[in-house]
Every structure is written in structure tokens, then in C-alpha cells.
PDB file of N, CA and C in Angstrom:
ATOM      1  N   MET A   1       0.862  -1.171   0.000  1.00  0.00           N
ATOM      2  CA  MET A   1       0.000   0.000   0.000  1.00  0.00           C
ATOM      3  C   MET A   1       0.902   1.226   0.000  1.00  0.00           C
ATOM      4  N   HIS A   2       0.519   2.229  -0.812  1.00  0.00           N
ATOM      5  CA  HIS A   2       1.303   3.463  -0.845  1.00  0.00           C
ATOM      6  C   HIS A   2       0.397   4.670  -1.106  1.00  0.00           C
ATOM      7  N   VAL A   3       0.857   5.821  -0.620  1.00  0.00           N
ATOM      8  CA  VAL A   3       0.130   7.080  -0.786  1.00  0.00           C
ATOM      9  C   VAL A   3       0.322   7.573  -2.214  1.00  0.00           C
ATOM     10  N   VAL A   4      -0.781   7.971  -2.849  1.00  0.00           N
ATOM     11  CA  VAL A   4      -0.689   8.531  -4.197  1.00  0.00           C
ATOM     12  C   VAL A   4      -1.129   9.989  -4.262  1.00  0.00           C
ATOM     13  N   ALA A   5      -1.876  10.446  -3.256  1.00  0.00           N
ATOM     14  CA  ALA A   5      -2.308  11.850  -3.214  1.00  0.00           C
ATOM     15  C   ALA A   5      -2.761  12.158  -1.793  1.00  0.00           C
ATOM     16  N   HIS A   6      -2.794  13.462  -1.473  1.00  0.00           N
ATOM     17  CA  HIS A   6      -3.303  13.848  -0.163  1.00  0.00           C
ATOM     18  C   HIS A   6      -3.731  15.299  -0.163  1.00  0.00           C
ATOM     19  N   ASP A   7      -4.567  15.606   0.804  1.00  0.00           N
ATOM     20  CA  ASP A   7      -4.983  16.966   1.089  1.00  0.00           C
ATOM     21  C   ASP A   7      -4.711  17.144   2.578  1.00  0.00           C
ATOM     22  N   PRO A   8      -3.740  17.987   2.933  1.00  0.00           N
ATOM     23  CA  PRO A   8      -3.320  18.092   4.337  1.00  0.00           C
ATOM     24  C   PRO A   8      -4.485  18.263   5.309  1.00  0.00           C
ATOM     25  N   HIS A   9      -4.434  17.503   6.379  1.00  0.00           N
ATOM     26  CA  HIS A   9      -5.423  17.543   7.466  1.00  0.00           C
ATOM     27  C   HIS A   9      -6.820  17.156   7.008  1.00  0.00           C
ATOM     28  N   ASN A  10      -6.933  16.495   5.871  1.00  0.00           N
ATOM     29  CA  ASN A  10      -8.245  16.151   5.344  1.00  0.00           C
ATOM     30  C   ASN A  10      -8.311  14.689   4.907  1.00  0.00           C
ATOM     31  N   TRP A  11      -7.498  14.303   3.913  1.00  0.00           N
ATOM     32  CA  TRP A  11      -7.562  12.943   3.404  1.00  0.00           C
ATOM     33  C   TRP A  11      -6.240  12.495   2.789  1.00  0.00           C
ATOM     34  N   PHE A  12      -6.091  11.173   2.697  1.00  0.00           N
ATOM     35  CA  PHE A  12      -5.014  10.516   1.957  1.00  0.00           C
ATOM     36  C   PHE A  12      -5.669   9.561   0.975  1.00  0.00           C
ATOM     37  N   LEU A  13      -5.127   9.497  -0.236  1.00  0.00           N
ATOM     38  CA  LEU A  13      -5.531   8.485  -1.207  1.00  0.00           C
ATOM     39  C   LEU A  13      -4.394   7.482  -1.287  1.00  0.00           C
ATOM     40  N   LEU A  14      -4.732   6.226  -1.109  1.00  0.00           N
ATOM     41  CA  LEU A  14      -3.733   5.165  -1.127  1.00  0.00           C
ATOM     42  C   LEU A  14      -4.097   4.138  -2.186  1.00  0.00           C
ATOM     43  N   LYS A  15      -3.096   3.395  -2.626  1.00  0.00           N
ATOM     44  CA  LYS A  15      -3.328   2.384  -3.656  1.00  0.00           C
ATOM     45  C   LYS A  15      -2.646   1.090  -3.240  1.00  0.00           C
ATOM     46  N   GLU A  16      -3.349  -0.015  -3.473  1.00  0.00           N
ATOM     47  CA  GLU A  16      -2.780  -1.340  -3.237  1.00  0.00           C
ATOM     48  C   GLU A  16      -3.419  -2.312  -4.208  1.00  0.00           C
ATOM     49  N   ASP A  17      -2.577  -3.020  -4.948  1.00  0.00           N
ATOM     50  CA  ASP A  17      -3.056  -4.025  -5.901  1.00  0.00           C
ATOM     51  C   ASP A  17      -4.150  -3.494  -6.819  1.00  0.00           C
ATOM     52  N   GLY A  18      -3.990  -2.257  -7.285  1.00  0.00           N
ATOM     53  CA  GLY A  18      -4.940  -1.658  -8.211  1.00  0.00           C
ATOM     54  C   GLY A  18      -6.156  -1.027  -7.566  1.00  0.00           C
ATOM     55  N   ALA A  19      -6.380  -1.270  -6.282  1.00  0.00           N
ATOM     56  CA  ALA A  19      -7.528  -0.690  -5.578  1.00  0.00           C
ATOM     57  C   ALA A  19      -7.127   0.651  -4.964  1.00  0.00           C
ATOM     58  N   LEU A  20      -8.066   1.600  -4.975  1.00  0.00           N
ATOM     59  CA  LEU A  20      -7.848   2.913  -4.373  1.00  0.00           C
ATOM     60  C   LEU A  20      -8.623   3.003  -3.058  1.00  0.00           C
ATOM     61  N   TYR A  21      -7.959   3.566  -2.047  1.00  0.00           N
ATOM     62  CA  TYR A  21      -8.548   3.715  -0.715  1.00  0.00           C
ATOM     63  C   TYR A  21      -8.472   5.180  -0.306  1.00  0.00           C
ATOM     64  N   LEU A  22      -9.557   5.686   0.236  1.00  0.00           N
ATOM     65  CA  LEU A  22      -9.595   7.056   0.717  1.00  0.00           C
ATOM     66  C   LEU A  22      -9.668   7.037   2.240  1.00  0.00           C
ATOM     67  N   ASP A  23      -8.658   7.623   2.874  1.00  0.00           N
ATOM     68  CA  ASP A  23      -8.585   7.728   4.325  1.00  0.00           C
ATOM     69  C   ASP A  23      -8.937   9.161   4.692  1.00  0.00           C
ATOM     70  N   VAL A  24     -10.070   9.332   5.362  1.00  0.00           N
ATOM     71  CA  VAL A  24     -10.603  10.659   5.662  1.00  0.00           C
ATOM     72  C   VAL A  24     -10.510  10.918   7.155  1.00  0.00           C
ATOM     73  N   ASN A  25      -9.998  12.091   7.502  1.00  0.00           N
ATOM     74  CA  ASN A  25      -9.905  12.520   8.888  1.00  0.00           C
ATOM     75  C   ASN A  25     -10.967  13.581   9.128  1.00  0.00           C
ATOM     76  N   SER A  26     -11.749  13.395  10.168  1.00  0.00           N
ATOM     77  CA  SER A  26     -12.764  14.385  10.511  1.00  0.00           C
ATOM     78  C   SER A  26     -12.505  14.898  11.906  1.00  0.00           C
ATOM     79  N   GLY A  27     -12.231  16.175  11.991  1.00  0.00           N
ATOM     80  CA  GLY A  27     -12.028  16.796  13.285  1.00  0.00           C
ATOM     81  C   GLY A  27     -12.934  17.986  13.464  1.00  0.00           C
ATOM     82  N   HIS A  28     -13.916  18.154  12.568  1.00  0.00           N
ATOM     83  CA  HIS A  28     -14.760  19.345  12.641  1.00  0.00           C
ATOM     84  C   HIS A  28     -15.976  19.178  13.543  1.00  0.00           C
ATOM     85  N   SER A  29     -16.198  17.998  14.067  1.00  0.00           N
ATOM     86  CA  SER A  29     -17.317  17.807  14.987  1.00  0.00           C
ATOM     87  C   SER A  29     -16.778  17.664  16.405  1.00  0.00           C
ATOM     88  N   ALA A  30     -17.681  17.525  17.359  1.00  0.00           N
ATOM     89  CA  ALA A  30     -17.263  17.381  18.758  1.00  0.00           C
ATOM     90  C   ALA A  30     -16.443  16.113  18.959  1.00  0.00           C
ATOM     91  N   VAL A  31     -16.717  15.089  18.164  1.00  0.00           N
ATOM     92  CA  VAL A  31     -15.984  13.831  18.253  1.00  0.00           C
ATOM     93  C   VAL A  31     -15.297  13.581  16.915  1.00  0.00           C
ATOM     94  N   GLY A  32     -13.970  13.603  16.915  1.00  0.00           N
ATOM     95  CA  GLY A  32     -13.231  13.332  15.692  1.00  0.00           C
ATOM     96  C   GLY A  32     -13.266  11.851  15.366  1.00  0.00           C
ATOM     97  N   PHE A  33     -13.134  11.536  14.083  1.00  0.00           N
ATOM     98  CA  PHE A  33     -13.107  10.144  13.661  1.00  0.00           C
ATOM     99  C   PHE A  33     -12.359  10.031  12.341  1.00  0.00           C
ATOM    100  N   CYS A  34     -11.919   8.825  12.039  1.00  0.00           N
ATOM    101  CA  CYS A  34     -11.299   8.531  10.747  1.00  0.00           C
ATOM    102  C   CYS A  34     -12.139   7.449  10.077  1.00  0.00           C
ATOM    103  N   VAL A  35     -12.213   7.535   8.775  1.00  0.00           N
ATOM    104  CA  VAL A  35     -12.899   6.508   8.007  1.00  0.00           C
ATOM    105  C   VAL A  35     -12.029   6.176   6.803  1.00  0.00           C
ATOM    106  N   LEU A  36     -11.945   4.900   6.500  1.00  0.00           N
ATOM    107  CA  LEU A  36     -11.177   4.413   5.364  1.00  0.00           C
ATOM    108  C   LEU A  36     -12.119   3.616   4.481  1.00  0.00           C
ATOM    109  N   ILE A  37     -12.274   4.058   3.241  1.00  0.00           N
ATOM    110  CA  ILE A  37     -13.137   3.324   2.316  1.00  0.00           C
ATOM    111  C   ILE A  37     -12.351   2.939   1.070  1.00  0.00           C
ATOM    112  N   ARG A  38     -12.749   1.819   0.494  1.00  0.00           N
ATOM    113  CA  ARG A  38     -12.242   1.443  -0.824  1.00  0.00           C
ATOM    114  C   ARG A  38     -13.151   2.121  -1.829  1.00  0.00           C
ATOM    115  N   LEU A  39     -12.557   2.858  -2.772  1.00  0.00           N
ATOM    116  CA  LEU A  39     -13.374   3.533  -3.779  1.00  0.00           C
ATOM    117  C   LEU A  39     -14.058   2.495  -4.665  1.00  0.00           C
ATOM    118  N   THR A  40     -15.329   2.738  -4.927  1.00  0.00           N
ATOM    119  CA  THR A  40     -16.048   1.893  -5.868  1.00  0.00           C
ATOM    120  C   THR A  40     -15.510   2.177  -7.274  1.00  0.00           C
ATOM    121  N   GLU A  41     -15.883   1.361  -8.223  1.00  0.00           N
ATOM    122  CA  GLU A  41     -15.456   1.606  -9.605  1.00  0.00           C
ATOM    123  C   GLU A  41     -15.941   2.973 -10.078  1.00  0.00           C
ATOM    124  N   GLU A  42     -17.165   3.324  -9.718  1.00  0.00           N
ATOM    125  CA  GLU A  42     -17.725   4.628 -10.104  1.00  0.00           C
ATOM    126  C   GLU A  42     -16.932   5.768  -9.458  1.00  0.00           C
ATOM    127  N   GLU A  43     -16.618   5.637  -8.175  1.00  0.00           N
ATOM    128  CA  GLU A  43     -15.844   6.673  -7.487  1.00  0.00           C
ATOM    129  C   GLU A  43     -14.442   6.793  -8.083  1.00  0.00           C
ATOM    130  N   ALA A  44     -13.825   5.665  -8.412  1.00  0.00           N
ATOM    131  CA  ALA A  44     -12.492   5.693  -9.027  1.00  0.00           C
ATOM    132  C   ALA A  44     -12.539   6.380 -10.388  1.00  0.00           C
ATOM    133  N   ARG A  45     -13.602   6.092 -11.157  1.00  0.00           N
ATOM    134  CA  ARG A  45     -13.760   6.749 -12.469  1.00  0.00           C
ATOM    135  C   ARG A  45     -13.932   8.245 -12.280  1.00  0.00           C
ATOM    136  N   ARG A  46     -14.756   8.645 -11.329  1.00  0.00           N
ATOM    137  CA  ARG A  46     -14.980  10.071 -11.082  1.00  0.00           C
ATOM    138  C   ARG A  46     -13.709  10.750 -10.582  1.00  0.00           C
ATOM    139  N   TYR A  47     -12.879  10.039  -9.821  1.00  0.00           N
ATOM    140  CA  TYR A  47     -11.593  10.595  -9.389  1.00  0.00           C
ATOM    141  C   TYR A  47     -10.685  10.805 -10.605  1.00  0.00           C
ATOM    142  N   ARG A  48     -10.624   9.819 -11.494  1.00  0.00           N
ATOM    143  CA  ARG A  48      -9.776   9.967 -12.696  1.00  0.00           C
ATOM    144  C   ARG A  48     -10.231  11.160 -13.536  1.00  0.00           C
ATOM    145  N   GLU A  49     -11.529  11.407 -13.579  1.00  0.00           N
ATOM    146  CA  GLU A  49     -12.066  12.523 -14.355  1.00  0.00           C
ATOM    147  C   GLU A  49     -11.961  13.859 -13.617  1.00  0.00           C
ATOM    148  N   GLY A  50     -12.171  13.848 -12.298  1.00  0.00           N
ATOM    149  CA  GLY A  50     -12.254  15.093 -11.543  1.00  0.00           C
ATOM    150  C   GLY A  50     -11.071  15.400 -10.654  1.00  0.00           C
ATOM    151  N   GLY A  51     -10.180  14.430 -10.489  1.00  0.00           N
ATOM    152  CA  GLY A  51      -8.976  14.653  -9.700  1.00  0.00           C
ATOM    153  C   GLY A  51      -9.254  14.918  -8.222  1.00  0.00           C
ATOM    154  N   ASP A  52      -8.310  15.637  -7.607  1.00  0.00           N
ATOM    155  CA  ASP A  52      -8.387  15.913  -6.170  1.00  0.00           C
ATOM    156  C   ASP A  52      -9.674  16.623  -5.748  1.00  0.00           C
ATOM    157  N   PRO A  53     -10.229  17.547  -6.548  1.00  0.00           N
ATOM    158  CA  PRO A  53     -11.487  18.175  -6.122  1.00  0.00           C
ATOM    159  C   PRO A  53     -12.618  17.160  -5.897  1.00  0.00           C
ATOM    160  N   PHE A  54     -12.650  16.100  -6.709  1.00  0.00           N
ATOM    161  CA  PHE A  54     -13.659  15.067  -6.474  1.00  0.00           C
ATOM    162  C   PHE A  54     -13.442  14.408  -5.120  1.00  0.00           C
ATOM    163  N   LEU A  55     -12.176  14.082  -4.788  1.00  0.00           N
ATOM    164  CA  LEU A  55     -11.890  13.442  -3.507  1.00  0.00           C
ATOM    165  C   LEU A  55     -12.224  14.358  -2.338  1.00  0.00           C
ATOM    166  N   SER A  56     -11.959  15.638  -2.487  1.00  0.00           N
ATOM    167  CA  SER A  56     -12.295  16.585  -1.420  1.00  0.00           C
ATOM    168  C   SER A  56     -13.799  16.644  -1.193  1.00  0.00           C
ATOM    169  N   ALA A  57     -14.565  16.610  -2.275  1.00  0.00           N
ATOM    170  CA  ALA A  57     -16.028  16.605  -2.153  1.00  0.00           C
ATOM    171  C   ALA A  57     -16.510  15.302  -1.508  1.00  0.00           C
ATOM    172  N   LEU A  58     -15.925  14.180  -1.902  1.00  0.00           N
ATOM    173  CA  LEU A  58     -16.285  12.893  -1.311  1.00  0.00           C
ATOM    174  C   LEU A  58     -15.921  12.880   0.178  1.00  0.00           C
ATOM    175  N   ALA A  59     -14.756  13.404   0.511  1.00  0.00           N
ATOM    176  CA  ALA A  59     -14.331  13.473   1.913  1.00  0.00           C
ATOM    177  C   ALA A  59     -15.306  14.321   2.731  1.00  0.00           C
ATOM    178  N   ARG A  60     -15.726  15.469   2.181  1.00  0.00           N
ATOM    179  CA  ARG A  60     -16.700  16.316   2.888  1.00  0.00           C
ATOM    180  C   ARG A  60     -18.005  15.557   3.127  1.00  0.00           C
ATOM    181  N   ASP A  61     -18.439  14.807   2.123  1.00  0.00           N
ATOM    182  CA  ASP A  61     -19.666  14.026   2.258  1.00  0.00           C
ATOM    183  C   ASP A  61     -19.517  12.998   3.378  1.00  0.00           C
ATOM    184  N   LEU A  62     -18.392  12.310   3.415  1.00  0.00           N
ATOM    185  CA  LEU A  62     -18.151  11.312   4.461  1.00  0.00           C
ATOM    186  C   LEU A  62     -18.069  11.972   5.837  1.00  0.00           C
ATOM    187  N   GLN A  63     -17.418  13.128   5.900  1.00  0.00           N
ATOM    188  CA  GLN A  63     -17.313  13.843   7.166  1.00  0.00           C
ATOM    189  C   GLN A  63     -18.682  14.295   7.659  1.00  0.00           C
ATOM    190  N   ASP A  64     -19.520  14.752   6.737  1.00  0.00           N
ATOM    191  CA  ASP A  64     -20.853  15.225   7.107  1.00  0.00           C
ATOM    192  C   ASP A  64     -21.739  14.086   7.610  1.00  0.00           C
ATOM    193  N   ARG A  65     -21.533  12.892   7.071  1.00  0.00           N
ATOM    194  CA  ARG A  65     -22.316  11.737   7.512  1.00  0.00           C
ATOM    195  C   ARG A  65     -21.935  11.318   8.930  1.00  0.00           C
ATOM    196  N   GLY A  66     -20.697  11.538   9.291  1.00  0.00           N
ATOM    197  CA  GLY A  66     -20.226  11.088  10.599  1.00  0.00           C
ATOM    198  C   GLY A  66     -20.080   9.574  10.609  1.00  0.00           C
ATOM    199  N   PRO A  67     -19.758   9.031  11.753  1.00  0.00           N
ATOM    200  CA  PRO A  67     -19.556   7.575  11.843  1.00  0.00           C
ATOM    201  C   PRO A  67     -20.888   6.833  11.904  1.00  0.00           C
ATOM    202  N   SER A  68     -21.700   7.013  10.882  1.00  0.00           N
ATOM    203  CA  SER A  68     -23.052   6.437  10.858  1.00  0.00           C
ATOM    204  C   SER A  68     -23.027   4.945  10.560  1.00  0.00           C
ATOM    205  N   ALA A  69     -24.128   4.301  10.833  1.00  0.00           N
ATOM    206  CA  ALA A  69     -24.253   2.867  10.578  1.00  0.00           C
ATOM    207  C   ALA A  69     -24.115   2.563   9.089  1.00  0.00           C
ATOM    208  N   ALA A  70     -24.675   3.415   8.230  1.00  0.00           N
ATOM    209  CA  ALA A  70     -24.589   3.190   6.788  1.00  0.00           C
ATOM    210  C   ALA A  70     -23.139   3.248   6.316  1.00  0.00           C
ATOM    211  N   LEU A  71     -22.370   4.142   6.903  1.00  0.00           N
ATOM    212  CA  LEU A  71     -20.970   4.282   6.528  1.00  0.00           C
ATOM    213  C   LEU A  71     -20.136   3.168   7.140  1.00  0.00           C
ATOM    214  N   ALA A  72     -20.547   2.660   8.277  1.00  0.00           N
ATOM    215  CA  ALA A  72     -19.777   1.643   8.993  1.00  0.00           C
ATOM    216  C   ALA A  72     -19.510   0.414   8.128  1.00  0.00           C
ATOM    217  N   GLU A  73     -20.449   0.054   7.273  1.00  0.00           N
ATOM    218  CA  GLU A  73     -20.246  -1.139   6.445  1.00  0.00           C
ATOM    219  C   GLU A  73     -19.153  -0.947   5.399  1.00  0.00           C
ATOM    220  N   ARG A  74     -18.824   0.293   5.053  1.00  0.00           N
ATOM    221  CA  ARG A  74     -17.735   0.560   4.101  1.00  0.00           C
ATOM    222  C   ARG A  74     -16.414   0.850   4.794  1.00  0.00           C
ATOM    223  N   ASN A  75     -16.445   1.127   6.084  1.00  0.00           N
ATOM    224  CA  ASN A  75     -15.251   1.545   6.799  1.00  0.00           C
ATOM    225  C   ASN A  75     -14.304   0.367   7.021  1.00  0.00           C
ATOM    226  N   LEU A  76     -13.114   0.462   6.419  1.00  0.00           N
ATOM    227  CA  LEU A  76     -12.102  -0.590   6.520  1.00  0.00           C
ATOM    228  C   LEU A  76     -10.994  -0.225   7.495  1.00  0.00           C
ATOM    229  N   ASN A  77     -11.220   0.803   8.291  1.00  0.00           N
ATOM    230  CA  ASN A  77     -10.180   1.279   9.201  1.00  0.00           C
ATOM    231  C   ASN A  77      -9.706   0.178  10.143  1.00  0.00           C
ATOM    232  N   GLY A  78     -10.621  -0.600  10.687  1.00  0.00           N
ATOM    233  CA  GLY A  78     -10.235  -1.679  11.588  1.00  0.00           C
ATOM    234  C   GLY A  78      -9.403  -2.745  10.900  1.00  0.00           C
ATOM    235  N   GLU A  79      -9.716  -3.017   9.638  1.00  0.00           N
ATOM    236  CA  GLU A  79      -9.036  -4.059   8.873  1.00  0.00           C
ATOM    237  C   GLU A  79      -7.708  -3.593   8.282  1.00  0.00           C
ATOM    238  N   LEU A  80      -7.665  -2.366   7.767  1.00  0.00           N
ATOM    239  CA  LEU A  80      -6.486  -1.891   7.039  1.00  0.00           C
ATOM    240  C   LEU A  80      -5.819  -0.671   7.664  1.00  0.00           C
ATOM    241  N   GLY A  81      -6.323  -0.212   8.800  1.00  0.00           N
ATOM    242  CA  GLY A  81      -5.799   1.001   9.418  1.00  0.00           C
ATOM    243  C   GLY A  81      -4.304   0.963   9.680  1.00  0.00           C
ATOM    244  N   GLU A  82      -3.797  -0.182  10.145  1.00  0.00           N
ATOM    245  CA  GLU A  82      -2.365  -0.303  10.428  1.00  0.00           C
ATOM    246  C   GLU A  82      -1.541  -0.188   9.145  1.00  0.00           C
ATOM    247  N   ALA A  83      -1.992  -0.795   8.055  1.00  0.00           N
ATOM    248  CA  ALA A  83      -1.284  -0.708   6.773  1.00  0.00           C
ATOM    249  C   ALA A  83      -1.284   0.724   6.254  1.00  0.00           C
ATOM    250  N   VAL A  84      -2.386   1.438   6.461  1.00  0.00           N
ATOM    251  CA  VAL A  84      -2.470   2.839   6.048  1.00  0.00           C
ATOM    252  C   VAL A  84      -1.472   3.670   6.846  1.00  0.00           C
ATOM    253  N   THR A  85      -1.449   3.467   8.154  1.00  0.00           N
ATOM    254  CA  THR A  85      -0.509   4.212   9.010  1.00  0.00           C
ATOM    255  C   THR A  85       0.925   3.971   8.564  1.00  0.00           C
ATOM    256  N   GLU A  86       1.280   2.728   8.303  1.00  0.00           N
ATOM    257  CA  GLU A  86       2.634   2.398   7.848  1.00  0.00           C
ATOM    258  C   GLU A  86       2.946   3.075   6.515  1.00  0.00           C
ATOM    259  N   ALA A  87       1.981   3.078   5.598  1.00  0.00           N
ATOM    260  CA  ALA A  87       2.182   3.711   4.292  1.00  0.00           C
ATOM    261  C   ALA A  87       2.387   5.211   4.439  1.00  0.00           C
ATOM    262  N   VAL A  88       1.612   5.849   5.306  1.00  0.00           N
ATOM    263  CA  VAL A  88       1.737   7.289   5.512  1.00  0.00           C
ATOM    264  C   VAL A  88       3.080   7.618   6.165  1.00  0.00           C
ATOM    265  N   VAL A  89       3.516   6.813   7.114  1.00  0.00           N
ATOM    266  CA  VAL A  89       4.824   7.033   7.751  1.00  0.00           C
ATOM    267  C   VAL A  89       5.940   6.917   6.713  1.00  0.00           C
ATOM    268  N   ARG A  90       5.892   5.894   5.858  1.00  0.00           N
ATOM    269  CA  ARG A  90       6.905   5.743   4.788  1.00  0.00           C
ATOM    270  C   ARG A  90       6.863   6.938   3.843  1.00  0.00           C
ATOM    271  N   TRP A  91       5.655   7.368   3.473  1.00  0.00           N
ATOM    272  CA  TRP A  91       5.479   8.490   2.552  1.00  0.00           C
ATOM    273  C   TRP A  91       6.068   9.766   3.151  1.00  0.00           C
ATOM    274  N   ARG A  92       5.764  10.026   4.425  1.00  0.00           N
ATOM    275  CA  ARG A  92       6.290  11.228   5.066  1.00  0.00           C
ATOM    276  C   ARG A  92       7.808  11.192   5.157  1.00  0.00           C
ATOM    277  N   ALA A  93       8.367  10.023   5.388  1.00  0.00           N
ATOM    278  CA  ALA A  93       9.813   9.887   5.502  1.00  0.00           C
ATOM    279  C   ALA A  93      10.516  10.065   4.152  1.00  0.00           C
ATOM    280  N   SER A  94       9.766   9.845   3.060  1.00  0.00           N
ATOM    281  CA  SER A  94      10.376   9.910   1.724  1.00  0.00           C
ATOM    282  C   SER A  94      10.549  11.332   1.197  1.00  0.00           C
ATOM    283  N   GLY A  95       9.910  12.308   1.833  1.00  0.00           N
ATOM    284  CA  GLY A  95      10.104  13.698   1.399  1.00  0.00           C
ATOM    285  C   GLY A  95       8.996  14.260   0.570  1.00  0.00           C
ATOM    286  N   PRO A  96       9.267  14.545  -0.722  1.00  0.00           N
ATOM    287  CA  PRO A  96       8.309  15.273  -1.558  1.00  0.00           C
ATOM    288  C   PRO A  96       6.968  14.555  -1.706  1.00  0.00           C
ATOM    289  N   SER A  97       5.937  15.358  -1.851  1.00  0.00           N
ATOM    290  CA  SER A  97       4.589  14.824  -2.021  1.00  0.00           C
ATOM    291  C   SER A  97       4.455  14.110  -3.349  1.00  0.00           C
ATOM    292  N   PRO A  98       3.765  12.952  -3.346  1.00  0.00           N
ATOM    293  CA  PRO A  98       3.519  12.259  -4.611  1.00  0.00           C
ATOM    294  C   PRO A  98       2.445  12.981  -5.407  1.00  0.00           C
ATOM    295  N   SER A  99       2.447  12.779  -6.687  1.00  0.00           N
ATOM    296  CA  SER A  99       1.356  13.314  -7.506  1.00  0.00           C
ATOM    297  C   SER A  99       0.469  12.147  -7.893  1.00  0.00           C
ATOM    298  N   ALA A 100      -0.781  12.439  -8.110  1.00  0.00           N
ATOM    299  CA  ALA A 100      -1.757  11.366  -8.375  1.00  0.00           C
ATOM    300  C   ALA A 100      -1.589  10.755  -9.728  1.00  0.00           C
TER     301      ALA A 100
END
């Protein structure tokens, strides 16, 4: 897993085995939370067409939903959170920001 794009203090886009994952940080509510989702084929297509602005809009939507039950079924943070953390640590240690 590796970081391919990010928006500081908002989200990281990661890739593993061709799959794209969006790690969203929400600190704008009374209770902060993180959510990690695998982009659907439609979301991946919209990202390829719309770039980072699409991901920022998707992140805002996820943040606005909060840690809801509907979102919980897509949240892979428990399953892949450690791999994401390791990827972000490697990315930060490598220096320059990757481009998507």
C-alpha cells in the first residue's frame, strides 16, 4: 500500500493491488473520527475525471455523515488502518509529495 495523493489535514488516497482507498480525517465535529473506504469503480472513475477536487467533495460528504451505521459497512479502518498508518509514515519519511 502506498500514498498517491493527499490533502493536508483532510484525506489521503492510497493504492494497493490496483484498488484505491480514501482515508478521511474528521475533526470538525465534537468527536473526531477517521474513516477508510475502498473507492467503488464509479468513485475511481470520477476521481480519474475530476482529480483531487472530487476526492475533497467525497471526503466532505463522508465527514458530514459522521460515523453512521450506513458508513460503517464501508469503513475498513479496523481491517487496514495499520497498513495505512505504515504507508503514511513511509510516505512522510520519503520527502516530496507524490502526484496522483
